[in-house]
Amino acid sequence: MPAPRNQRSYESRTRRSRRVFEDASRYFPGGVNSAIQYFSPYPLYVTRGEGSRVWDIDGNEYIDYCLAYGAATAGHRNPEIMRAIKSVADNVGTLLGFPTPSAIGLAKEIVRRFPGVEMLRFTNSGTEATMYAVRLARAVTGRNKIVKVEGAYHGAHDYLLISDKPTRRVLMGSERAPASVPDSAGTPEEVAALTLVVRFNDMDGLERVLRENENEVAAVVMEAVQTNSGLIPPAEGYLKEVRRLTEYYGVLLIIDEVKTGFNAAAGPAYAAYGIVPDLVTMGKVVGGGTPLAAFGGRAEYMEEVTPLGRAVHYGTYNANPLSVAAGYAALTKVHTEKSFRQRAYLSERLAKGLRDIVEDAGITAYIMSYGAMGAIYFGLEEQPRDFREAFRADKAAWHDWWLGMLVRGVIPYAGAWFEEWFVSVAHTEEDVDKYLVAAEEVLKGLARG
């Protein structure tokens, strides 16, 4: 396959990143500490951030729409969050090993803003949050099987890293009965067999799976708005039907808000659809850019967590003072209803500008904006309803566009075709305009071939 047209320009302006990559590859597989950070020909190595911008080791400045995959939508080095962290570092310490009263304030704020969450436990990452939520659901129900949505990412543990991103259409199984495909080598077949897969927006498929596995399913795990497949909203009435079916079959509904919480909506995305899940996982924004996440829900279920119940939950760094302070500042002082409305406005302004550019350039691409998030599907004319439809997107065109945007000083979103853009509190209309100027240059170049 020939190199993308913008690769040479990327390599020319990121020579130090290449040298760092070669050095890092001696110590880290692929030169990175998370696989998603890698992209061809080598990743960008970033040294600092401020507001809506980051700088790489070559000194290049970028307007950042990746924002740590949605975790840094308060903006890099947000003053409110930095003050909170400094105060704790100066006066409390970084880790005490005992419960601290400050965690209660953050918990109260989460309970206030997340309908259905009566109790919660803090963890350090979204992966931990979903892992513990699944364990809790199994403990509560006494059942082992889990239902998840094809193309949805809920963390890198064996329970849910199934049919996240099948690499070929033939691996996905049939439309009616998607296969349970482990995304990682080292996943026991016995574990994969316990995770049943359905397509997003497929109510008939979900009902069939629950009926055929009656009294064997502990929980359905899903996002209210599916991410990591681009950005796919639920069809009208879909989430209410999911809630009805899970209640009918006595199955817990776990809604994953790690990525969508405070990004797709001013609170949890599910609240806009009139449903209340049994358990909720949250992260990214909740920690204000620090390692913090949580799982929570109805008290009768959360009381099954140790030491009250038998579902084990541990973690030395859980609710550490630094992360709690950052999270409390983020939710009470930064991520307000007003700031979200501004972020959503800028995201839709960006999407509209991209739609106009795509139309003028004669390129086939579908542009989606939802809340303060958005996605581009090259090669598609309509909004996909599930991962299979999203998978038809032109991935080669996306990669060329991605490198072309980097060359022009814009990180358009995270480095994979199925990711999304995020607009932060720090972004301005000028930032959006600069994105669109860069996008017009790149997209017109793609149109010319």
Protein backbone atom coordinates (compact mmCIF):
# COMPACT_ATOMS: atom_id res chain seq x y z
CA MET A 1 0.00 0.00 0.00
CA PRO A 2 1.49 3.40 -0.96
CA ALA A 3 2.27 5.89 1.81
CA PRO A 4 -0.36 8.61 2.40
CA ARG A 5 0.33 11.79 0.45
CA ASN A 6 0.86 13.81 3.66
CA GLN A 7 3.29 11.36 5.27
CA ARG A 8 6.45 12.97 3.89
CA SER A 9 5.42 16.38 5.25
CA TYR A 10 4.64 14.83 8.61
CA GLU A 11 8.05 13.14 8.76
CA SER A 12 9.80 16.36 7.76
CA ARG A 13 8.35 18.41 10.64
CA THR A 14 8.57 15.71 13.33
CA ARG A 15 12.17 14.49 13.07
CA ARG A 16 12.72 14.60 16.83
CA SER A 17 9.54 12.59 17.41
CA ARG A 18 10.97 9.95 15.11
CA ARG A 19 14.23 9.83 17.07
CA VAL A 20 12.33 9.58 20.35
CA PHE A 21 10.19 6.83 18.87
CA GLU A 22 13.28 4.85 17.93
CA ASP A 23 14.65 5.24 21.47
CA ALA A 24 11.31 4.52 23.14
CA SER A 25 10.86 1.37 21.05
CA ARG A 26 13.83 -0.15 22.87
CA TYR A 27 11.88 0.01 26.14
CA PHE A 28 8.18 0.07 25.26
CA PRO A 29 6.54 -2.26 22.71
CA GLY A 30 5.73 -0.06 19.74
CA GLY A 31 7.32 2.91 21.48
CA VAL A 32 4.14 3.71 23.44
CA ASN A 33 2.43 2.83 26.71
CA SER A 34 -1.05 2.46 25.25
CA ALA A 35 -1.64 0.86 21.86
CA ILE A 36 -4.05 3.59 20.77
CA GLN A 37 -1.20 6.13 21.01
CA TYR A 38 0.58 4.50 18.08
CA PHE A 39 -0.10 5.40 14.48
CA SER A 40 1.92 4.95 11.29
CA PRO A 41 4.66 5.91 10.51
CA TYR A 42 5.35 6.79 14.19
CA PRO A 43 3.49 8.64 16.93
CA LEU A 44 3.71 12.26 17.90
CA TYR A 45 5.60 12.84 21.16
CA VAL A 46 4.05 15.71 23.09
CA THR A 47 5.88 17.63 25.82
CA ARG A 48 3.29 20.04 27.27
CA GLY A 49 -0.21 21.45 27.02
CA GLU A 50 -1.96 24.71 27.79
CA GLY A 51 -5.65 25.46 27.27
CA SER A 52 -6.72 24.15 23.87
CA ARG A 53 -3.16 23.52 22.67
CA VAL A 54 -0.26 21.09 23.00
CA TRP A 55 3.35 21.23 21.80
CA ASP A 56 5.43 18.35 20.50
CA ILE A 57 9.11 17.67 21.09
CA ASP A 58 9.96 19.41 17.79
CA GLY A 59 8.34 22.60 19.10
CA ASN A 60 5.30 22.39 16.82
CA GLU A 61 2.07 23.83 18.22
CA TYR A 62 -1.26 22.04 17.75
CA ILE A 63 -4.87 22.88 18.48
CA ASP A 64 -5.94 19.74 20.33
CA TYR A 65 -9.30 18.09 19.63
CA CYS A 66 -8.24 14.71 21.03
CA LEU A 67 -7.93 16.04 24.58
CA ALA A 68 -6.70 12.76 26.03
CA TYR A 69 -9.66 10.93 24.46
CA GLY A 70 -12.13 13.21 26.22
CA ALA A 71 -10.49 13.25 29.64
CA ALA A 72 -8.99 16.74 29.28
CA THR A 73 -12.07 18.67 28.13
CA ALA A 74 -11.53 21.12 31.00
CA GLY A 75 -8.58 22.24 28.89
CA HIS A 76 -4.93 21.51 29.53
CA ARG A 77 -3.67 22.91 32.84
CA ASN A 78 -7.07 24.38 33.67
CA PRO A 79 -6.42 27.03 36.36
CA GLU A 80 -9.19 25.84 38.71
CA ILE A 81 -7.95 22.27 38.59
CA MET A 82 -4.30 23.22 38.90
CA ARG A 83 -5.05 25.32 42.00
CA ALA A 84 -6.92 22.41 43.56
CA ILE A 85 -4.09 19.97 42.87
CA LYS A 86 -1.45 22.39 44.18
CA SER A 87 -3.38 23.00 47.37
CA VAL A 88 -3.65 19.29 48.09
CA ALA A 89 -0.03 18.61 47.16
CA ASP A 90 1.13 21.45 49.46
CA ASN A 91 -1.16 20.78 52.41
CA VAL A 92 -2.37 17.18 52.31
CA GLY A 93 -0.05 14.95 50.30
CA THR A 94 -0.47 12.73 47.28
CA LEU A 95 -1.47 9.43 48.89
CA LEU A 96 -2.47 8.67 52.47
CA GLY A 97 -3.63 5.07 52.39
CA PHE A 98 -6.73 5.88 54.45
CA PRO A 99 -10.18 7.16 53.45
CA THR A 100 -10.33 10.95 53.24
CA PRO A 101 -13.39 13.16 53.83
CA SER A 102 -12.78 15.05 50.58
CA ALA A 103 -14.01 12.07 48.57
CA ILE A 104 -17.50 12.56 50.01
CA GLY A 105 -17.88 15.97 48.36
CA LEU A 106 -17.09 14.58 44.93
CA ALA A 107 -19.41 11.63 45.51
CA LYS A 108 -22.26 13.97 46.43
CA GLU A 109 -21.75 15.95 43.24
CA ILE A 110 -21.82 12.80 41.13
CA VAL A 111 -24.94 11.51 42.87
CA ARG A 112 -26.60 14.89 42.28
CA ARG A 113 -25.88 14.85 38.57
CA PHE A 114 -26.32 11.15 37.72
CA PRO A 115 -29.93 9.96 38.05
CA GLY A 116 -30.12 6.50 39.58
CA VAL A 117 -26.71 6.64 41.24
CA GLU A 118 -27.30 6.32 44.99
CA MET A 119 -23.91 4.93 46.02
CA LEU A 120 -20.58 4.60 44.24
CA ARG A 121 -16.99 3.49 44.53
CA PHE A 122 -13.98 5.25 43.02
CA THR A 123 -11.40 3.47 40.88
CA ASN A 124 -8.42 4.69 38.84
CA SER A 125 -9.55 4.09 35.26
CA GLY A 126 -12.59 3.41 33.14
CA THR A 127 -11.30 -0.10 32.52
CA GLU A 128 -11.38 -0.79 36.25
CA ALA A 129 -14.84 0.77 36.57
CA THR A 130 -16.41 -1.48 33.95
CA MET A 131 -14.55 -4.55 35.22
CA TYR A 132 -15.88 -4.03 38.73
CA ALA A 133 -19.39 -3.24 37.48
CA VAL A 134 -19.48 -6.55 35.62
CA ARG A 135 -18.20 -8.39 38.68
CA LEU A 136 -20.87 -6.74 40.81
CA ALA A 137 -23.62 -7.61 38.35
CA ARG A 138 -22.54 -11.24 38.42
CA ALA A 139 -22.42 -11.23 42.21
CA VAL A 140 -25.89 -9.69 42.50
CA THR A 141 -27.58 -11.99 39.97
CA GLY A 142 -25.61 -15.20 40.44
CA ARG A 143 -25.27 -15.43 36.64
CA ASN A 144 -22.18 -15.41 34.43
CA LYS A 145 -23.15 -14.20 30.95
CA ILE A 146 -22.82 -10.59 29.83
CA VAL A 147 -24.35 -8.93 26.76
CA LYS A 148 -22.40 -6.13 25.08
CA VAL A 149 -22.65 -4.17 21.85
CA GLU A 150 -20.51 -4.90 18.80
CA GLY A 151 -17.91 -2.20 18.18
CA ALA A 152 -18.24 -0.74 21.68
CA TYR A 153 -15.13 -0.32 23.82
CA HIS A 154 -15.54 -0.66 27.58
CA GLY A 155 -11.94 -1.10 28.67
CA ALA A 156 -9.16 -3.59 28.06
CA HIS A 157 -10.15 -6.41 30.43
CA ASP A 158 -11.15 -9.84 29.18
CA TYR A 159 -14.80 -9.51 30.23
CA LEU A 160 -15.62 -6.83 27.67
CA LEU A 161 -12.77 -6.69 25.16
CA ILE A 162 -14.89 -8.84 22.88
CA SER A 163 -15.98 -7.79 19.37
CA ASP A 164 -14.70 -4.30 20.07
CA LYS A 165 -12.99 -3.86 16.70
CA PRO A 166 -13.12 -7.00 14.55
CA THR A 167 -10.58 -6.36 11.82
CA ARG A 168 -12.49 -8.08 9.00
CA ARG A 169 -16.14 -8.30 8.12
CA VAL A 170 -15.94 -12.09 7.90
CA LEU A 171 -14.96 -12.29 11.58
CA MET A 172 -18.09 -10.52 12.75
CA GLY A 173 -20.53 -13.36 12.25
CA SER A 174 -24.00 -12.93 10.83
CA GLU A 175 -26.23 -9.87 11.01
CA ARG A 176 -28.70 -11.81 13.12
CA ALA A 177 -26.19 -13.38 15.51
CA PRO A 178 -22.87 -11.48 15.75
CA ALA A 179 -19.90 -13.58 16.80
CA SER A 180 -18.07 -13.11 20.11
CA VAL A 181 -14.61 -12.27 18.79
CA PRO A 182 -11.79 -11.73 21.34
CA ASP A 183 -9.88 -8.57 20.53
CA SER A 184 -6.74 -9.72 22.28
CA ALA A 185 -4.60 -12.81 22.15
CA GLY A 186 -4.52 -14.40 25.56
CA THR A 187 -8.28 -14.20 26.10
CA PRO A 188 -9.55 -17.63 27.20
CA GLU A 189 -12.22 -19.10 24.95
CA GLU A 190 -14.26 -19.83 28.06
CA VAL A 191 -14.33 -16.11 28.89
CA ALA A 192 -15.26 -15.05 25.36
CA ALA A 193 -18.12 -17.57 25.34
CA LEU A 194 -19.66 -15.79 28.33
CA THR A 195 -19.85 -12.46 26.48
CA LEU A 196 -22.76 -12.34 24.04
CA VAL A 197 -22.72 -9.71 21.30
CA VAL A 198 -25.56 -7.68 19.79
CA ARG A 199 -25.63 -4.77 17.36
CA PHE A 200 -26.43 -1.24 18.51
CA ASN A 201 -29.97 -0.10 17.66
CA ASP A 202 -31.03 -3.72 17.09
CA MET A 203 -33.90 -4.28 19.51
CA ASP A 204 -34.94 -7.58 17.92
CA GLY A 205 -31.41 -8.94 18.27
CA LEU A 206 -31.21 -8.00 21.93
CA GLU A 207 -34.57 -9.57 22.71
CA ARG A 208 -33.55 -12.79 20.93
CA VAL A 209 -30.31 -13.06 22.92
CA LEU A 210 -32.06 -12.42 26.23
CA ARG A 211 -34.80 -14.92 25.40
CA GLU A 212 -32.39 -17.65 24.26
CA ASN A 213 -30.26 -17.14 27.37
CA GLU A 214 -33.06 -16.58 29.84
CA ASN A 215 -31.93 -16.59 33.49
CA GLU A 216 -28.28 -16.85 32.41
CA VAL A 217 -27.46 -13.18 31.71
CA ALA A 218 -26.23 -10.96 34.53
CA ALA A 219 -26.15 -7.64 32.68
CA VAL A 220 -26.38 -5.73 29.43
CA VAL A 221 -23.45 -3.29 29.10
CA MET A 222 -23.71 -0.41 26.66
CA GLU A 223 -23.34 3.32 26.07
CA ALA A 224 -26.36 5.55 25.63
CA VAL A 225 -24.58 7.07 22.62
CA GLN A 226 -22.09 4.66 21.08
CA THR A 227 -18.54 5.91 20.74
CA ASN A 228 -15.41 4.24 19.39
CA SER A 229 -17.41 3.50 16.27
CA GLY A 230 -17.35 7.12 15.39
CA LEU A 231 -20.39 8.55 17.12
CA ILE A 232 -23.73 6.74 16.85
CA PRO A 233 -26.88 8.04 18.58
CA PRO A 234 -29.66 5.68 19.66
CA ALA A 235 -32.66 5.33 17.39
CA GLU A 236 -35.91 6.80 18.66
CA GLY A 237 -37.28 4.64 21.48
CA TYR A 238 -34.29 2.26 21.44
CA LEU A 239 -32.97 2.93 24.95
CA LYS A 240 -36.42 2.78 26.51
CA GLU A 241 -36.95 -0.60 24.85
CA VAL A 242 -33.56 -1.77 26.14
CA ARG A 243 -34.63 -0.72 29.63
CA ARG A 244 -37.96 -2.52 29.25
CA LEU A 245 -36.33 -5.74 28.03
CA THR A 246 -33.70 -5.81 30.79
CA GLU A 247 -36.38 -5.31 33.42
CA TYR A 248 -38.60 -8.00 31.87
CA TYR A 249 -35.80 -10.57 31.82
CA GLY A 250 -34.44 -9.58 35.23
CA VAL A 251 -31.11 -8.39 33.81
CA LEU A 252 -29.11 -5.45 35.14
CA LEU A 253 -28.55 -2.54 32.76
CA ILE A 254 -25.06 -1.04 32.99
CA ILE A 255 -24.61 2.24 31.12
CA ASP A 256 -21.01 3.20 30.42
CA GLU A 257 -20.55 6.97 30.66
CA VAL A 258 -16.75 6.94 30.83
CA LYS A 259 -16.40 8.77 27.52
CA THR A 260 -19.83 10.36 27.07
CA GLY A 261 -20.36 11.72 30.58
CA PHE A 262 -20.03 15.54 30.52
CA ASN A 263 -18.93 15.31 26.85
CA ALA A 264 -22.04 14.11 25.03
CA ALA A 265 -24.24 15.94 27.55
CA ALA A 266 -23.92 18.27 30.54
CA GLY A 267 -24.17 15.15 32.73
CA PRO A 268 -24.76 11.55 31.72
CA ALA A 269 -25.93 10.96 28.15
CA TYR A 270 -28.63 8.51 29.27
CA ALA A 271 -30.51 11.22 31.18
CA ALA A 272 -31.71 12.79 27.92
CA TYR A 273 -33.54 9.56 26.98
CA GLY A 274 -35.66 9.15 30.08
CA ILE A 275 -34.08 5.95 31.39
CA VAL A 276 -32.42 5.07 34.70
CA PRO A 277 -29.84 2.25 34.58
CA ASP A 278 -29.08 -0.11 37.44
CA LEU A 279 -25.35 0.59 37.39
CA VAL A 280 -23.29 3.34 35.78
CA THR A 281 -19.59 3.58 35.02
CA MET A 282 -17.88 6.93 34.68
CA GLY A 283 -14.37 8.31 34.23
CA LYS A 284 -12.24 10.75 32.19
CA VAL A 285 -13.94 14.10 32.98
CA VAL A 286 -14.80 12.88 36.49
CA GLY A 287 -11.11 12.99 37.38
CA GLY A 288 -10.39 16.40 35.89
CA GLY A 289 -7.56 14.95 33.81
CA THR A 290 -6.14 12.78 36.60
CA PRO A 291 -6.46 9.00 37.09
CA LEU A 292 -9.96 8.68 38.55
CA ALA A 293 -13.11 6.80 37.59
CA ALA A 294 -16.09 5.28 39.38
CA PHE A 295 -18.88 2.76 39.25
CA GLY A 296 -22.16 3.29 41.03
CA GLY A 297 -25.87 2.72 41.01
CA ARG A 298 -28.74 1.56 43.15
CA ALA A 299 -27.84 1.16 46.82
CA GLU A 300 -29.26 -2.35 47.02
CA TYR A 301 -26.70 -3.46 44.43
CA MET A 302 -23.77 -1.36 45.61
CA GLU A 303 -24.15 -2.80 49.10
CA GLU A 304 -23.02 -6.11 47.66
CA VAL A 305 -19.51 -4.61 47.37
CA THR A 306 -17.00 -5.55 50.10
CA PRO A 307 -16.89 -5.08 53.05
CA LEU A 308 -20.72 -5.10 53.14
CA GLY A 309 -21.12 -7.84 50.54
CA ARG A 310 -19.01 -10.39 48.70
CA ALA A 311 -18.08 -8.57 45.45
CA VAL A 312 -14.45 -7.64 46.01
CA HIS A 313 -13.21 -4.13 45.21
CA TYR A 314 -9.69 -3.01 46.11
CA GLY A 315 -7.26 -0.31 45.01
CA THR A 316 -4.42 1.45 46.79
CA TYR A 317 -4.83 4.61 44.70
CA ASN A 318 -8.64 4.71 44.74
CA ALA A 319 -9.94 8.19 45.67
CA ASN A 320 -6.43 9.52 46.27
CA PRO A 321 -6.47 13.16 47.44
CA LEU A 322 -4.97 14.64 44.26
CA SER A 323 -7.48 13.02 41.91
CA VAL A 324 -10.44 13.76 44.16
CA ALA A 325 -9.50 17.44 44.36
CA ALA A 326 -9.06 17.65 40.58
CA GLY A 327 -12.38 15.90 39.98
CA TYR A 328 -14.29 18.09 42.43
CA ALA A 329 -12.90 21.25 40.86
CA ALA A 330 -13.73 19.95 37.38
CA LEU A 331 -17.36 19.12 38.16
CA THR A 332 -18.19 22.10 40.38
CA LYS A 333 -16.21 24.92 38.76
CA VAL A 334 -15.51 23.93 35.15
CA HIS A 335 -18.07 21.51 33.71
CA THR A 336 -21.23 23.53 34.25
CA GLU A 337 -24.43 23.65 32.22
CA LYS A 338 -23.29 26.99 30.79
CA SER A 339 -19.85 25.78 29.74
CA PHE A 340 -21.34 22.69 28.14
CA ARG A 341 -23.72 24.78 26.03
CA GLN A 342 -20.76 26.75 24.70
CA ARG A 343 -18.81 23.57 23.95
CA ALA A 344 -21.80 22.04 22.15
CA TYR A 345 -22.25 25.23 20.12
CA LEU A 346 -18.62 25.15 18.99
CA SER A 347 -18.83 21.46 18.13
CA GLU A 348 -21.87 21.97 15.92
CA ARG A 349 -20.22 25.02 14.34
CA LEU A 350 -17.24 22.84 13.52
CA ALA A 351 -19.46 20.10 12.10
CA LYS A 352 -21.41 22.56 9.93
CA GLY A 353 -18.19 24.02 8.57
CA LEU A 354 -16.88 20.55 7.72
CA ARG A 355 -20.15 19.66 5.98
CA ASP A 356 -19.86 22.76 3.81
CA ILE A 357 -16.23 21.98 2.93
CA VAL A 358 -17.00 18.36 2.10
CA GLU A 359 -19.88 19.41 -0.15
CA ASP A 360 -17.81 22.06 -1.93
CA ALA A 361 -14.93 19.63 -2.44
CA GLY A 362 -17.21 16.92 -3.78
CA ILE A 363 -16.05 14.40 -1.18
CA THR A 364 -18.32 11.70 0.17
CA ALA A 365 -18.24 11.89 3.97
CA TYR A 366 -20.77 11.99 6.76
CA ILE A 367 -20.14 14.48 9.59
CA MET A 368 -21.73 13.83 12.97
CA SER A 369 -21.89 16.16 15.98
CA TYR A 370 -23.43 15.25 19.31
CA GLY A 371 -23.01 17.47 22.35
CA ALA A 372 -19.36 18.53 22.53
CA MET A 373 -18.23 15.56 20.42
CA GLY A 374 -18.12 14.77 16.72
CA ALA A 375 -16.93 12.28 14.12
CA ILE A 376 -16.18 11.97 10.41
CA TYR A 377 -17.03 8.94 8.28
CA PHE A 378 -15.19 9.13 4.98
CA GLY A 379 -16.95 7.28 2.19
CA LEU A 380 -20.35 7.20 3.91
CA GLU A 381 -23.36 9.29 2.90
CA GLU A 382 -25.58 8.57 5.91
CA GLN A 383 -25.29 8.27 9.66
CA PRO A 384 -24.43 4.65 10.50
CA ARG A 385 -26.78 2.88 12.88
CA ASP A 386 -24.22 0.41 14.20
CA PHE A 387 -20.56 -0.60 14.00
CA ARG A 388 -21.02 -2.70 10.86
CA GLU A 389 -22.26 0.30 8.92
CA ALA A 390 -19.51 2.49 10.40
CA PHE A 391 -16.91 -0.12 9.45
CA ARG A 392 -17.57 0.59 5.77
CA ALA A 393 -15.89 3.98 6.15
CA ASP A 394 -12.81 4.70 4.02
CA LYS A 395 -9.99 4.18 6.51
CA ALA A 396 -7.19 5.05 4.07
CA ALA A 397 -8.77 8.45 3.36
CA TRP A 398 -9.10 9.03 7.08
CA HIS A 399 -5.39 8.33 7.67
CA ASP A 400 -4.31 10.72 4.92
CA TRP A 401 -6.62 13.38 6.36
CA TRP A 402 -5.26 12.75 9.87
CA LEU A 403 -1.63 13.26 8.83
CA GLY A 404 -2.56 16.29 6.72
CA MET A 405 -4.24 17.94 9.70
CA LEU A 406 -1.24 17.27 11.93
CA VAL A 407 1.02 18.90 9.36
CA ARG A 408 -1.18 22.01 9.57
CA GLY A 409 -1.09 22.21 13.36
CA VAL A 410 -4.40 20.57 14.25
CA ILE A 411 -4.95 17.30 16.11
CA PRO A 412 -8.39 16.60 14.61
CA TYR A 413 -9.11 13.84 17.11
CA ALA A 414 -7.46 10.67 18.38
CA GLY A 415 -5.38 8.64 15.94
CA ALA A 416 -7.87 6.08 14.66
CA TRP A 417 -10.76 6.22 12.19
CA PHE A 418 -13.30 5.20 14.84
CA GLU A 419 -12.44 7.95 17.34
CA GLU A 420 -14.18 11.29 17.95
CA TRP A 421 -13.28 14.94 18.32
CA PHE A 422 -13.87 16.76 21.60
CA VAL A 423 -14.32 20.47 22.22
CA SER A 424 -13.00 21.73 25.55
CA VAL A 425 -13.89 24.62 27.79
CA ALA A 426 -10.72 26.31 26.51
CA HIS A 427 -11.57 26.17 22.79
CA THR A 428 -12.67 29.34 21.02
CA GLU A 429 -14.37 30.27 17.78
CA GLU A 430 -10.94 31.19 16.45
CA ASP A 431 -9.77 27.64 17.20
CA VAL A 432 -12.70 26.26 15.22
CA ASP A 433 -11.95 28.61 12.33
CA LYS A 434 -8.33 27.43 12.24
CA TYR A 435 -9.50 23.81 12.21
CA LEU A 436 -11.75 24.55 9.25
CA VAL A 437 -9.02 26.39 7.30
CA ALA A 438 -6.72 23.40 7.74
CA ALA A 439 -9.50 20.94 6.90
CA GLU A 440 -10.35 22.79 3.69
CA GLU A 441 -6.75 22.57 2.49
CA VAL A 442 -6.51 18.86 3.31
CA LEU A 443 -9.91 17.86 1.95
CA LYS A 444 -9.49 19.75 -1.30
CA GLY A 445 -6.15 17.98 -1.69
CA LEU A 446 -7.88 14.64 -1.16
CA ALA A 447 -10.52 15.58 -3.72
CA ARG A 448 -7.86 16.31 -6.33
CA GLY A 449 -6.39 12.86 -5.73
